[in-house]
Amino acid sequence: MTDPTKPKRRRTKAAAATSTAATLAASTPKVFVRLYRGLLPGATYKGLLGDCYLLRIVAGATQSTILIDCGMLLGSPDAAARMAAIAADIVKETGGTLDLLVVTHEHWDHISGFDQAREVFFGDPANGVPPRLKIANLWMAWTEDPADADAKALRAKFDKTGTALAALAMRMGADRASGAQSPFAAAPEAAIEGLENFLGPLEIDPHGDPTQLGAAAAKRLTGRAIFDTLKQVGHKVQYLSPGTVLPTPTATPLRAYVFGPPRDPKRLFKDLPTKAETGTLYMDTSSFNARLLMDVAAGTEESLADNSPFSRRYNAITADRVEPAPDAGVTAPEAERTLAWLRERYFDAQAPCRFADNPPKGHKCAKDLVCGADQASRRIDGDWLAAAGPLALKLDSDTNNTSLVLAFELPDASVMLFAADAQVGNWESWHDQNYTADGKAVTAAELLGRTRFYKVGHHGSHNATLTDQGLELMKHDDLVAAISTDFDLGTKQGSKGWQMPNPRVKTALLTHTKGRLIRGDRRRATDDDVKSFPIDPNFVARLDEANDLYIEYRVFG
């Protein structure tokens, strides 16, 4: 009972405020973004050229998790071991159940982990072994919806072209390695500019669809198989269209705005900020190069001569007759002497001496620029394969433009933007529609204005961060940008190397974030690019770079 003789203790305003603050602190979630870089002990590489982000939403004793992509570029060092370590960390952090998996698009550097650590994600059904990680929900773009007619048509184009290019790259590499005398070995070294590393490897298509590649033993990209399997193991699958607004299926939900990919073909196939029309470069079987590429993909080459762009009357002498031709003396028939002459000057390891039987004193053919030249450089039988370069570039960019782009709204209405590999047309399309939240229309410009965390598009490449309709609109005082990259590995790709990040894009990001740029291949203390910016104690306190496997940043709370 209360003693009436004792005065009642009044709660002061300060005590009430302290109590309210404590209640709010307990109920306000903390949101972390974990950028995986996969550095193993003794690693000489510095980062991970690919995307693998784990979002942790922590509210009291409850944690929810969202994984956005999981992959690295084909040819990355120690790929399997690194992905195994990353997958093990994901299992540990999620407790074996992932609330939401977001797969943005079918590029190997975003999905390779599902193959390299398949026992974690898929288990071993043949032996009755279940996955170590349960995927409660799966989000993909509308482009993956099997019931969507536009998606099916798009996939048919992409799959046929991508499979042919991957098969072409494999054939060129194998023939070069074996020393084979073939058009594929003679093809320009950088015919596809390394872009096949985004496509990933091939595998036998268990469906054996002969219409896809023109062969009974059809093949498909391993990425396509990964997507098909993910759709089977995901307990609830949703295909998202631009303009959709929905809550994340997490204990503490975040509102998600679906920015892309666009449905408008003009946006979907716009990769560069130019006035030129992009046109169509996908497989048209009526074209010369397309037929040859399809033959390669099908594992046949008997019809290469038949597909020549020249009239048959000019095909009297073909490479398969010239290469095995024997030597022919002056008394041999003209046809035999012609074949021998061509063989000596186009197929033999070394050309005949340009001085014939009377070389000057001290002349050495092996050191001579003419008769010591590499004969392969005189042949054009592999030059047609260079036409695959523009095709590969177009496919790469357009696949990037199918990226599922999401903006997550935090409890204070600020935003985390995950742009995947979206390029120009995808970015521009965000402004084509409004987004309805709480009965009110919200624009992409408003959401960009509230963006406090930006996952930089396509590892900082030149055409994956728009200026006027993108970065210039991000005006949050605490804006942070994160790039998953390995710059050194990028410079070794293609004929000229890739700059990831592009210097212009990097400078713009540093300026807009006031130096709050997180890179998977650098530690802040040794990053010369950020030294000219004043230290932000709040940012530094939220950044955790202690673990070699990942970098983690506390975005909110």
Protein backbone atom coordinates (compact mmCIF):
# COMPACT_ATOMS: atom_id res chain seq x y z
CA MET A 1 0.00 0.00 0.00
CA THR A 2 1.07 3.57 -0.57
CA ASP A 3 2.05 5.48 2.55
CA PRO A 4 -0.11 8.64 2.54
CA THR A 5 2.37 10.38 4.83
CA LYS A 6 5.11 10.24 2.18
CA PRO A 7 5.00 12.72 -0.70
CA LYS A 8 4.53 11.28 -4.17
CA ARG A 9 7.67 11.28 -6.29
CA ARG A 10 7.07 13.28 -9.44
CA ARG A 11 8.67 12.14 -12.67
CA THR A 12 10.84 14.92 -14.00
CA LYS A 13 10.84 15.95 -17.68
CA ALA A 14 14.44 14.87 -17.93
CA ALA A 15 13.65 11.39 -16.60
CA ALA A 16 10.67 11.07 -18.97
CA ALA A 17 12.81 12.14 -21.91
CA THR A 18 15.49 9.63 -20.97
CA SER A 19 12.92 6.87 -20.71
CA THR A 20 11.37 7.77 -24.07
CA ALA A 21 14.77 7.85 -25.73
CA ALA A 22 15.60 4.44 -24.30
CA THR A 23 12.28 3.03 -25.58
CA LEU A 24 12.86 4.47 -29.04
CA ALA A 25 16.43 3.17 -29.10
CA ALA A 26 15.22 -0.30 -28.25
CA SER A 27 12.51 -0.25 -30.93
CA THR A 28 14.53 1.46 -33.69
CA PRO A 29 16.26 -1.10 -35.89
CA LYS A 30 19.87 -0.98 -36.94
CA VAL A 31 20.54 -1.64 -40.61
CA PHE A 32 23.91 -2.94 -41.76
CA VAL A 33 25.23 -3.56 -45.28
CA ARG A 34 27.95 -6.19 -45.63
CA LEU A 35 30.01 -5.96 -48.82
CA TYR A 36 31.84 -9.24 -49.42
CA ARG A 37 35.37 -9.06 -50.81
CA GLY A 38 36.51 -12.60 -50.03
CA LEU A 39 40.16 -12.06 -49.12
CA LEU A 40 41.70 -15.36 -48.03
CA PRO A 41 44.92 -15.67 -45.97
CA GLY A 42 47.97 -14.83 -48.08
CA ALA A 43 45.89 -13.34 -50.89
CA THR A 44 47.70 -11.21 -53.45
CA TYR A 45 44.42 -9.97 -54.97
CA LYS A 46 42.82 -6.95 -53.32
CA GLY A 47 39.09 -7.21 -53.85
CA LEU A 48 36.19 -8.96 -55.52
CA LEU A 49 35.00 -7.96 -58.98
CA GLY A 50 31.38 -8.91 -58.58
CA ASP A 51 28.41 -8.27 -56.31
CA CYS A 52 27.54 -9.98 -53.03
CA TYR A 53 25.80 -7.86 -50.39
CA LEU A 54 24.19 -9.04 -47.16
CA LEU A 55 21.76 -6.66 -45.46
CA ARG A 56 21.16 -7.17 -41.74
CA ILE A 57 18.14 -5.56 -40.08
CA VAL A 58 18.57 -5.84 -36.31
CA ALA A 59 15.69 -4.91 -33.99
CA GLY A 60 16.44 -5.89 -30.42
CA ALA A 61 17.09 -9.63 -30.32
CA THR A 62 15.56 -10.16 -33.79
CA GLN A 63 17.63 -10.10 -36.96
CA SER A 64 16.35 -10.26 -40.54
CA THR A 65 18.60 -10.81 -43.55
CA ILE A 66 18.50 -9.92 -47.25
CA LEU A 67 21.11 -11.18 -49.71
CA ILE A 68 21.51 -9.22 -52.94
CA ASP A 69 23.39 -11.29 -55.54
CA CYS A 70 26.36 -13.56 -54.88
CA GLY A 71 29.06 -13.81 -57.53
CA MET A 72 32.45 -12.86 -58.92
CA LEU A 73 33.92 -12.48 -62.40
CA LEU A 74 34.83 -15.67 -64.24
CA GLY A 75 38.58 -16.13 -63.97
CA SER A 76 38.88 -14.49 -60.55
CA PRO A 77 41.68 -16.03 -58.44
CA ASP A 78 40.70 -18.67 -55.86
CA ALA A 79 37.06 -18.22 -56.87
CA ALA A 80 35.70 -21.51 -55.49
CA ALA A 81 37.50 -21.26 -52.14
CA ARG A 82 36.51 -17.62 -51.68
CA MET A 83 32.89 -18.31 -52.47
CA ALA A 84 32.87 -21.26 -50.08
CA ALA A 85 34.08 -18.96 -47.30
CA ILE A 86 31.52 -16.30 -48.17
CA ALA A 87 28.68 -18.83 -48.29
CA ALA A 88 29.74 -20.23 -44.90
CA ASP A 89 29.60 -16.74 -43.42
CA ILE A 90 26.13 -16.19 -44.88
CA VAL A 91 24.89 -19.44 -43.30
CA LYS A 92 26.42 -18.46 -39.96
CA GLU A 93 24.96 -14.95 -40.01
CA THR A 94 21.47 -16.01 -41.10
CA GLY A 95 21.26 -19.05 -38.84
CA GLY A 96 20.46 -21.15 -41.89
CA THR A 97 17.41 -19.19 -43.07
CA LEU A 98 17.64 -16.27 -45.46
CA ASP A 99 14.55 -14.10 -45.29
CA LEU A 100 14.96 -12.68 -48.80
CA LEU A 101 17.23 -13.35 -51.75
CA VAL A 102 17.34 -10.71 -54.49
CA VAL A 103 18.91 -11.81 -57.79
CA THR A 104 19.29 -8.81 -60.04
CA HIS A 105 20.32 -10.25 -63.42
CA GLU A 106 22.02 -13.16 -65.17
CA HIS A 107 25.67 -12.21 -65.18
CA TRP A 108 28.27 -14.57 -63.76
CA ASP A 109 29.81 -11.91 -61.50
CA HIS A 110 26.44 -11.68 -59.73
CA ILE A 111 25.44 -15.35 -59.52
CA SER A 112 28.58 -17.54 -59.64
CA GLY A 113 28.40 -18.25 -55.91
CA PHE A 114 25.22 -20.25 -56.36
CA ASP A 115 27.25 -22.67 -58.50
CA GLN A 116 30.59 -22.48 -56.68
CA ALA A 117 28.90 -23.07 -53.31
CA ARG A 118 25.95 -25.03 -54.65
CA GLU A 119 25.87 -27.44 -51.71
CA VAL A 120 25.01 -24.45 -49.50
CA PHE A 121 22.30 -23.01 -51.71
CA PHE A 122 21.00 -26.13 -53.51
CA GLY A 123 22.22 -29.15 -51.53
CA ASP A 124 22.64 -32.47 -53.33
CA PRO A 125 19.16 -33.67 -54.31
CA ALA A 126 20.50 -36.82 -56.00
CA ASN A 127 21.84 -38.04 -52.66
CA GLY A 128 19.05 -36.62 -50.54
CA VAL A 129 21.20 -33.83 -49.05
CA PRO A 130 19.18 -30.65 -48.39
CA PRO A 131 20.58 -27.14 -48.83
CA ARG A 132 22.40 -25.68 -45.84
CA LEU A 133 20.61 -22.39 -46.42
CA LYS A 134 16.84 -22.07 -46.68
CA ILE A 135 15.68 -19.29 -49.01
CA ALA A 136 12.35 -18.12 -47.65
CA ASN A 137 11.65 -15.56 -50.39
CA LEU A 138 13.12 -14.83 -53.80
CA TRP A 139 12.77 -11.60 -55.77
CA MET A 140 13.61 -11.40 -59.47
CA ALA A 141 12.84 -8.93 -62.23
CA TRP A 142 9.81 -9.27 -64.49
CA THR A 143 12.26 -10.39 -67.20
CA GLU A 144 12.42 -13.79 -65.46
CA ASP A 145 8.68 -14.35 -65.21
CA PRO A 146 7.85 -17.55 -67.17
CA ALA A 147 4.26 -16.34 -67.58
CA ASP A 148 5.26 -12.99 -69.11
CA ALA A 149 5.21 -12.98 -72.92
CA ASP A 150 7.65 -10.07 -73.22
CA ALA A 151 10.04 -11.78 -70.83
CA LYS A 152 9.95 -15.04 -72.80
CA ALA A 153 10.77 -13.26 -76.07
CA LEU A 154 13.60 -11.34 -74.43
CA ARG A 155 15.06 -14.47 -72.86
CA ALA A 156 15.00 -16.30 -76.19
CA LYS A 157 17.12 -13.54 -77.77
CA PHE A 158 19.55 -13.29 -74.89
CA ASP A 159 19.95 -17.04 -74.37
CA LYS A 160 20.67 -17.83 -78.01
CA THR A 161 23.20 -15.04 -78.41
CA GLY A 162 24.86 -15.57 -75.03
CA THR A 163 25.25 -19.30 -75.51
CA ALA A 164 26.79 -18.83 -78.95
CA LEU A 165 29.28 -16.26 -77.64
CA ALA A 166 30.30 -18.41 -74.69
CA ALA A 167 30.78 -21.41 -76.99
CA LEU A 168 32.83 -19.26 -79.35
CA ALA A 169 35.09 -18.09 -76.52
CA MET A 170 35.63 -21.68 -75.34
CA ARG A 171 36.50 -22.85 -78.85
CA MET A 172 38.98 -20.03 -79.46
CA GLY A 173 40.71 -20.68 -76.14
CA ALA A 174 40.89 -24.44 -76.66
CA ASP A 175 42.26 -24.18 -80.20
CA ARG A 176 44.90 -21.65 -79.18
CA ALA A 177 45.98 -23.83 -76.25
CA SER A 178 46.29 -26.93 -78.45
CA GLY A 179 48.11 -25.14 -81.27
CA ALA A 180 45.41 -26.09 -83.75
CA GLN A 181 45.48 -24.50 -87.19
CA SER A 182 41.93 -23.22 -87.28
CA PRO A 183 40.05 -19.95 -87.75
CA PHE A 184 39.32 -20.00 -84.03
CA ALA A 185 42.99 -20.17 -83.07
CA ALA A 186 43.70 -17.43 -85.62
CA ALA A 187 40.96 -15.14 -84.31
CA PRO A 188 42.04 -11.81 -82.83
CA GLU A 189 43.18 -12.42 -79.24
CA ALA A 190 40.61 -10.03 -77.80
CA ALA A 191 37.77 -10.81 -80.20
CA ILE A 192 35.16 -10.71 -77.40
CA GLU A 193 37.09 -8.28 -75.20
CA GLY A 194 36.86 -10.55 -72.15
CA LEU A 195 33.10 -10.04 -71.94
CA GLU A 196 32.56 -13.80 -71.96
CA ASN A 197 33.70 -13.66 -68.32
CA PHE A 198 30.40 -11.98 -67.49
CA LEU A 199 28.46 -14.70 -69.32
CA GLY A 200 30.02 -17.61 -67.46
CA PRO A 201 30.58 -21.20 -68.62
CA LEU A 202 28.36 -23.55 -70.61
CA GLU A 203 26.81 -26.86 -69.63
CA ILE A 204 24.75 -29.54 -71.34
CA ASP A 205 21.09 -28.58 -71.50
CA PRO A 206 19.18 -31.43 -69.82
CA HIS A 207 16.12 -30.50 -71.85
CA GLY A 208 18.08 -31.15 -75.06
CA ASP A 209 16.23 -28.45 -76.94
CA PRO A 210 17.53 -28.66 -80.53
CA THR A 211 15.81 -25.43 -81.54
CA GLN A 212 17.99 -23.34 -79.26
CA LEU A 213 21.35 -24.13 -80.81
CA GLY A 214 20.60 -26.23 -83.83
CA ALA A 215 22.07 -29.42 -82.31
CA ALA A 216 20.60 -32.42 -80.55
CA ALA A 217 23.16 -32.18 -77.74
CA ALA A 218 22.20 -28.58 -76.96
CA LYS A 219 24.04 -26.48 -74.42
CA ARG A 220 23.01 -23.59 -72.24
CA LEU A 221 24.71 -21.02 -70.05
CA THR A 222 25.29 -22.23 -66.51
CA GLY A 223 23.70 -18.96 -65.40
CA ARG A 224 20.41 -20.02 -66.96
CA ALA A 225 20.56 -23.29 -65.02
CA ILE A 226 21.26 -21.35 -61.81
CA PHE A 227 18.20 -19.18 -62.35
CA ASP A 228 16.02 -22.21 -63.00
CA THR A 229 17.23 -23.93 -59.84
CA LEU A 230 16.81 -20.82 -57.70
CA LYS A 231 13.19 -20.62 -58.77
CA GLN A 232 12.73 -24.17 -57.50
CA VAL A 233 14.42 -23.75 -54.10
CA GLY A 234 12.94 -20.33 -53.31
CA HIS A 235 9.87 -21.00 -51.17
CA LYS A 236 8.06 -17.90 -52.46
CA VAL A 237 9.09 -16.31 -55.75
CA GLN A 238 8.02 -12.84 -56.89
CA TYR A 239 8.74 -11.18 -60.23
CA LEU A 240 8.84 -7.40 -59.85
CA SER A 241 7.89 -4.71 -62.36
CA PRO A 242 8.89 -1.03 -62.30
CA GLY A 243 6.63 1.16 -60.22
CA THR A 244 5.81 -1.57 -57.71
CA VAL A 245 6.04 -0.65 -54.01
CA LEU A 246 6.04 -3.47 -51.47
CA PRO A 247 7.37 -4.35 -48.01
CA THR A 248 10.32 -6.66 -47.59
CA PRO A 249 9.27 -10.06 -46.14
CA THR A 250 11.33 -9.48 -42.99
CA ALA A 251 10.47 -9.30 -39.29
CA THR A 252 11.17 -5.58 -39.47
CA PRO A 253 9.95 -4.69 -42.95
CA LEU A 254 11.47 -1.99 -45.12
CA ARG A 255 9.47 -0.42 -47.91
CA ALA A 256 10.97 -1.33 -51.28
CA TYR A 257 10.48 0.72 -54.45
CA VAL A 258 11.08 -1.12 -57.72
CA PHE A 259 12.88 1.26 -60.10
CA GLY A 260 13.84 -1.12 -62.92
CA PRO A 261 14.26 -2.85 -65.27
CA PRO A 262 12.11 -0.92 -67.75
CA ARG A 263 9.51 -2.52 -69.97
CA ASP A 264 9.88 0.07 -72.73
CA PRO A 265 12.24 -1.49 -75.33
CA LYS A 266 13.72 1.94 -76.12
CA ARG A 267 14.83 2.22 -72.50
CA LEU A 268 15.77 -1.42 -72.12
CA PHE A 269 18.18 -1.37 -75.05
CA LYS A 270 19.67 2.08 -74.42
CA ASP A 271 23.15 1.54 -73.04
CA LEU A 272 24.99 4.78 -73.77
CA PRO A 273 24.02 8.46 -73.44
CA THR A 274 24.14 9.12 -77.18
CA LYS A 275 21.67 10.25 -79.81
CA ALA A 276 22.38 7.26 -82.03
CA GLU A 277 19.86 4.46 -82.30
CA THR A 278 21.21 1.22 -80.88
CA GLY A 279 19.67 -1.01 -83.53
CA THR A 280 19.47 -4.77 -83.22
CA LEU A 281 22.54 -6.98 -83.02
CA TYR A 282 20.97 -10.20 -81.81
CA MET A 283 21.11 -13.46 -83.70
CA ASP A 284 19.55 -13.11 -87.10
CA THR A 285 20.20 -16.40 -88.85
CA SER A 286 20.06 -14.73 -92.25
CA SER A 287 23.38 -12.94 -91.61
CA PHE A 288 26.77 -14.39 -92.50
CA ASN A 289 28.42 -14.00 -89.10
CA ALA A 290 25.32 -15.18 -87.23
CA ARG A 291 25.24 -18.46 -89.14
CA LEU A 292 28.91 -19.07 -88.42
CA LEU A 293 28.48 -18.33 -84.73
CA MET A 294 25.53 -20.69 -84.56
CA ASP A 295 27.63 -23.42 -86.21
CA VAL A 296 30.30 -22.92 -83.57
CA ALA A 297 27.75 -23.08 -80.77
CA ALA A 298 26.36 -26.30 -82.21
CA GLY A 299 29.83 -27.84 -82.33
CA THR A 300 29.98 -28.07 -86.12
CA GLU A 301 32.12 -26.28 -88.66
CA GLU A 302 31.57 -28.22 -91.86
CA SER A 303 29.59 -25.34 -93.28
CA LEU A 304 32.15 -22.60 -92.67
CA ALA A 305 33.10 -22.52 -96.35
CA ASP A 306 29.44 -22.65 -97.33
CA ASN A 307 28.84 -19.53 -95.24
CA SER A 308 31.56 -17.55 -97.00
CA PRO A 309 30.45 -14.04 -98.01
CA PHE A 310 32.05 -14.58 -101.42
CA SER A 311 30.48 -16.26 -104.42
CA ARG A 312 31.18 -19.98 -104.81
CA ARG A 313 33.09 -19.36 -108.05
CA TYR A 314 35.76 -17.62 -105.93
CA ASN A 315 36.04 -20.58 -103.56
CA ALA A 316 38.03 -22.84 -105.88
CA ILE A 317 40.97 -22.86 -103.48
CA THR A 318 40.09 -23.32 -99.81
CA ALA A 319 42.23 -23.59 -96.69
CA ASP A 320 41.53 -27.30 -96.26
CA ARG A 321 43.24 -27.90 -99.64
CA VAL A 322 46.13 -25.51 -99.11
CA GLU A 323 47.29 -26.48 -95.62
CA PRO A 324 48.19 -30.16 -96.40
CA ALA A 325 49.58 -29.45 -99.88
CA PRO A 326 53.01 -31.09 -100.47
CA ASP A 327 56.03 -29.36 -101.95
CA ALA A 328 55.89 -29.04 -105.73
CA GLY A 329 58.82 -28.69 -108.14
CA VAL A 330 58.92 -26.58 -111.28
CA THR A 331 57.77 -29.53 -113.36
CA ALA A 332 54.67 -30.18 -111.25
CA PRO A 333 51.25 -29.23 -112.62
CA GLU A 334 50.31 -25.58 -112.13
CA ALA A 335 47.49 -26.41 -109.71
CA GLU A 336 49.90 -28.28 -107.40
CA ARG A 337 52.52 -25.53 -107.61
CA THR A 338 49.87 -22.95 -106.73
CA LEU A 339 48.75 -24.87 -103.64
CA ALA A 340 52.37 -25.34 -102.51
CA TRP A 341 53.13 -21.63 -103.03
CA LEU A 342 50.14 -20.60 -100.94
CA ARG A 343 50.97 -23.10 -98.20
CA GLU A 344 54.55 -21.81 -97.94
CA ARG A 345 53.42 -18.19 -97.62
CA TYR A 346 50.32 -18.56 -95.45
CA PHE A 347 50.44 -21.78 -93.41
CA ASP A 348 54.06 -22.81 -92.88
CA ALA A 349 55.60 -21.78 -89.56
CA GLN A 350 58.06 -19.57 -91.46
CA ALA A 351 57.84 -17.96 -94.88
CA PRO A 352 60.31 -18.88 -97.65
CA CYS A 353 63.45 -16.78 -97.74
CA ARG A 354 62.73 -13.60 -99.65
CA PHE A 355 66.17 -13.91 -101.30
CA ALA A 356 65.36 -17.42 -102.56
CA ASP A 357 68.60 -19.30 -103.18
CA ASN A 358 70.91 -16.27 -103.03
CA PRO A 359 70.70 -14.62 -99.59
CA PRO A 360 73.22 -11.88 -98.72
CA LYS A 361 76.06 -12.69 -96.35
CA GLY A 362 74.95 -12.79 -92.71
CA HIS A 363 71.24 -12.96 -93.53
CA LYS A 364 69.16 -14.99 -91.04
CA CYS A 365 65.57 -15.66 -91.99
CA ALA A 366 64.48 -16.16 -88.37
CA LYS A 367 65.44 -12.56 -87.57
CA ASP A 368 64.20 -11.02 -90.80
CA LEU A 369 60.99 -8.93 -90.66
CA VAL A 370 59.74 -10.42 -93.93
CA CYS A 371 60.76 -14.04 -94.19
CA GLY A 372 60.83 -14.44 -90.40
CA ALA A 373 57.33 -13.07 -89.90
CA ASP A 374 54.59 -15.07 -88.20
CA GLN A 375 52.57 -16.57 -91.05
CA ALA A 376 49.34 -16.48 -89.05
CA SER A 377 49.34 -12.68 -89.28
CA ARG A 378 48.95 -12.97 -93.07
CA ARG A 379 45.74 -14.99 -92.91
CA ILE A 380 42.27 -13.55 -92.51
CA ASP A 381 40.40 -16.81 -91.93
CA GLY A 382 39.78 -15.89 -88.29
CA ASP A 383 39.13 -12.19 -88.75
CA TRP A 384 35.40 -12.68 -89.15
CA LEU A 385 35.34 -13.72 -85.49
CA ALA A 386 36.20 -10.16 -84.48
CA ALA A 387 32.63 -9.30 -85.44
CA ALA A 388 31.63 -11.09 -82.24
CA GLY A 389 33.05 -8.15 -80.28
CA PRO A 390 30.24 -5.66 -80.92
CA LEU A 391 27.72 -8.47 -80.42
CA ALA A 392 29.26 -9.37 -77.06
CA LEU A 393 29.38 -5.74 -75.97
CA LYS A 394 25.75 -5.19 -76.90
CA LEU A 395 24.60 -8.33 -75.13
CA ASP A 396 26.63 -7.41 -72.05
CA SER A 397 25.15 -3.92 -71.84
CA ASP A 398 21.59 -5.03 -72.52
CA THR A 399 21.80 -7.78 -69.90
CA ASN A 400 23.02 -5.14 -67.46
CA ASN A 401 19.99 -3.07 -68.34
CA THR A 402 17.70 -5.92 -67.24
CA SER A 403 19.00 -5.36 -63.70
CA LEU A 404 16.44 -5.37 -60.91
CA VAL A 405 16.98 -2.01 -59.18
CA LEU A 406 15.58 -1.48 -55.68
CA ALA A 407 15.36 1.49 -53.33
CA PHE A 408 14.81 0.51 -49.69
CA GLU A 409 13.21 3.12 -47.44
CA LEU A 410 14.60 3.24 -43.90
CA PRO A 411 12.55 4.19 -40.78
CA ASP A 412 13.57 7.87 -41.07
CA ALA A 413 12.48 7.93 -44.76
CA SER A 414 16.08 7.97 -46.01
CA VAL A 415 16.88 5.47 -48.76
CA MET A 416 19.38 2.76 -49.69
CA LEU A 417 19.74 2.43 -53.48
CA PHE A 418 20.97 -0.83 -55.01
CA ALA A 419 21.47 -0.17 -58.72
CA ALA A 420 22.99 -3.57 -59.65
CA ASP A 421 24.53 -3.05 -63.14
CA ALA A 422 21.84 -0.73 -64.49
CA GLN A 423 22.95 1.39 -67.44
CA VAL A 424 21.60 4.52 -69.10
CA GLY A 425 18.16 3.38 -70.26
CA ASN A 426 17.41 1.69 -66.95
CA TRP A 427 18.34 4.84 -64.99
CA GLU A 428 16.29 7.10 -67.24
CA SER A 429 13.26 4.84 -66.92
CA TRP A 430 13.04 5.38 -63.15
CA HIS A 431 11.55 8.78 -63.87
CA ASP A 432 8.91 7.41 -66.25
CA GLN A 433 6.49 6.49 -63.47
CA ASN A 434 5.47 7.59 -59.99
CA TYR A 435 5.49 5.31 -56.96
CA THR A 436 2.54 5.21 -54.58
CA ALA A 437 3.26 5.02 -50.85
CA ASP A 438 0.66 5.62 -48.13
CA GLY A 439 -1.76 6.78 -50.80
CA LYS A 440 0.60 9.48 -52.07
CA ALA A 441 2.62 9.67 -55.28
CA VAL A 442 6.37 9.67 -54.84
CA THR A 443 8.83 10.41 -57.65
CA ALA A 444 12.19 8.83 -58.34
CA ALA A 445 13.76 12.26 -57.95
CA GLU A 446 12.40 12.50 -54.40
CA LEU A 447 13.70 9.06 -53.51
CA LEU A 448 17.12 9.82 -54.99
CA GLY A 449 17.15 13.03 -52.97
CA ARG A 450 16.70 10.96 -49.81
CA THR A 451 19.36 8.39 -50.73
CA ARG A 452 21.96 7.99 -48.00
CA PHE A 453 23.58 4.76 -49.25
CA TYR A 454 24.28 4.10 -52.92
CA LYS A 455 25.54 0.73 -54.17
CA VAL A 456 27.41 2.01 -57.21
CA GLY A 457 26.22 0.63 -60.54
CA HIS A 458 28.37 -1.87 -62.46
CA HIS A 459 31.48 -1.51 -60.31
CA GLY A 460 31.81 2.17 -61.20
CA SER A 461 31.91 1.79 -64.99
CA HIS A 462 31.52 4.80 -67.27
CA ASN A 463 27.84 4.41 -68.18
CA ALA A 464 26.27 2.97 -65.02
CA THR A 465 25.93 6.11 -62.86
CA LEU A 466 23.88 8.85 -64.47
CA THR A 467 24.73 12.43 -63.61
CA ASP A 468 21.72 14.73 -64.12
CA GLN A 469 19.08 12.09 -63.48
CA GLY A 470 21.06 10.22 -60.86
CA LEU A 471 24.02 11.29 -58.79
CA GLU A 472 23.27 15.02 -58.96
CA LEU A 473 19.91 14.32 -57.31
CA MET A 474 21.49 12.51 -54.32
CA LYS A 475 21.72 15.38 -51.84
CA HIS A 476 21.57 13.61 -48.48
CA ASP A 477 24.08 15.10 -46.04
CA ASP A 478 25.40 11.66 -45.07
CA LEU A 479 25.54 10.12 -48.55
CA VAL A 480 27.83 7.07 -48.72
CA ALA A 481 28.73 5.16 -51.89
CA ALA A 482 30.06 1.60 -52.06
CA ILE A 483 31.87 -0.05 -54.98
CA SER A 484 32.46 -3.79 -55.18
CA THR A 485 35.52 -4.09 -57.39
CA ASP A 486 39.05 -5.32 -57.93
CA PHE A 487 40.62 -2.58 -60.00
CA ASP A 488 43.80 -4.54 -60.75
CA LEU A 489 41.86 -7.55 -62.05
CA GLY A 490 39.74 -5.25 -64.22
CA THR A 491 42.79 -3.77 -65.92
CA LYS A 492 43.75 -7.26 -67.13
CA GLN A 493 40.47 -7.84 -68.98
CA GLY A 494 39.98 -7.41 -72.73
CA SER A 495 42.49 -5.77 -75.05
CA LYS A 496 42.74 -2.44 -73.23
CA GLY A 497 41.62 -3.34 -69.73
CA TRP A 498 38.59 -2.10 -67.83
CA GLN A 499 38.60 0.85 -65.46
CA MET A 500 36.39 -0.10 -62.54
CA PRO A 501 35.87 2.46 -61.22
CA ASN A 502 36.11 4.83 -64.16
CA PRO A 503 38.21 7.90 -63.15
CA ARG A 504 35.44 10.38 -63.99
CA VAL A 505 32.84 8.41 -62.06
CA LYS A 506 35.20 7.95 -59.11
CA THR A 507 35.88 11.69 -58.92
CA ALA A 508 32.15 12.48 -59.01
CA LEU A 509 31.42 9.94 -56.26
CA LEU A 510 34.19 11.29 -54.05
CA THR A 511 32.91 14.83 -54.52
CA HIS A 512 29.25 14.04 -53.81
CA THR A 513 30.01 11.85 -50.79
CA LYS A 514 32.70 14.21 -49.43
CA GLY A 515 35.09 11.29 -49.45
CA ARG A 516 32.70 8.73 -47.94
CA LEU A 517 33.48 6.14 -50.63
CA ILE A 518 33.78 2.48 -49.66
CA ARG A 519 35.80 0.27 -52.01
CA GLY A 520 36.04 -3.49 -51.76
CA ASP A 521 39.65 -3.44 -52.97
CA ARG A 522 40.98 -0.79 -50.59
CA ARG A 523 41.17 0.01 -46.91
CA ARG A 524 40.33 3.56 -45.99
CA ALA A 525 43.56 4.22 -44.09
CA THR A 526 45.67 3.57 -47.20
CA ASP A 527 43.30 4.98 -49.84
CA ASP A 528 45.02 8.03 -51.31
CA ASP A 529 41.81 9.14 -53.03
CA VAL A 530 40.08 10.03 -49.74
CA LYS A 531 42.99 11.73 -47.97
CA SER A 532 42.13 15.19 -49.30
CA PHE A 533 38.68 15.07 -47.66
CA PRO A 534 38.07 15.91 -44.00
CA ILE A 535 37.55 12.91 -41.73
CA ASP A 536 33.90 12.29 -40.82
CA PRO A 537 33.98 10.71 -37.33
CA ASN A 538 30.40 9.45 -37.63
CA PHE A 539 31.16 7.68 -40.91
CA VAL A 540 34.38 6.17 -39.58
CA ALA A 541 32.60 4.91 -36.45
CA ARG A 542 30.01 3.11 -38.60
CA LEU A 543 32.58 1.49 -40.91
CA ASP A 544 34.02 -1.92 -40.02
CA GLU A 545 36.96 -3.06 -42.18
CA ALA A 546 38.49 -5.45 -39.66
CA ASN A 547 37.39 -8.65 -41.42
CA ASP A 548 39.22 -9.72 -44.60
CA LEU A 549 36.12 -11.52 -45.83
CA TYR A 550 33.90 -8.43 -45.91
CA ILE A 551 33.47 -4.75 -45.18
CA GLU A 552 30.40 -3.80 -43.14
CA TYR A 553 28.76 -0.40 -42.81
CA ARG A 554 26.01 0.54 -40.36
CA VAL A 555 23.69 2.59 -42.56
CA PHE A 556 21.03 3.31 -39.97
CA GLY A 557 20.53 3.19 -36.21
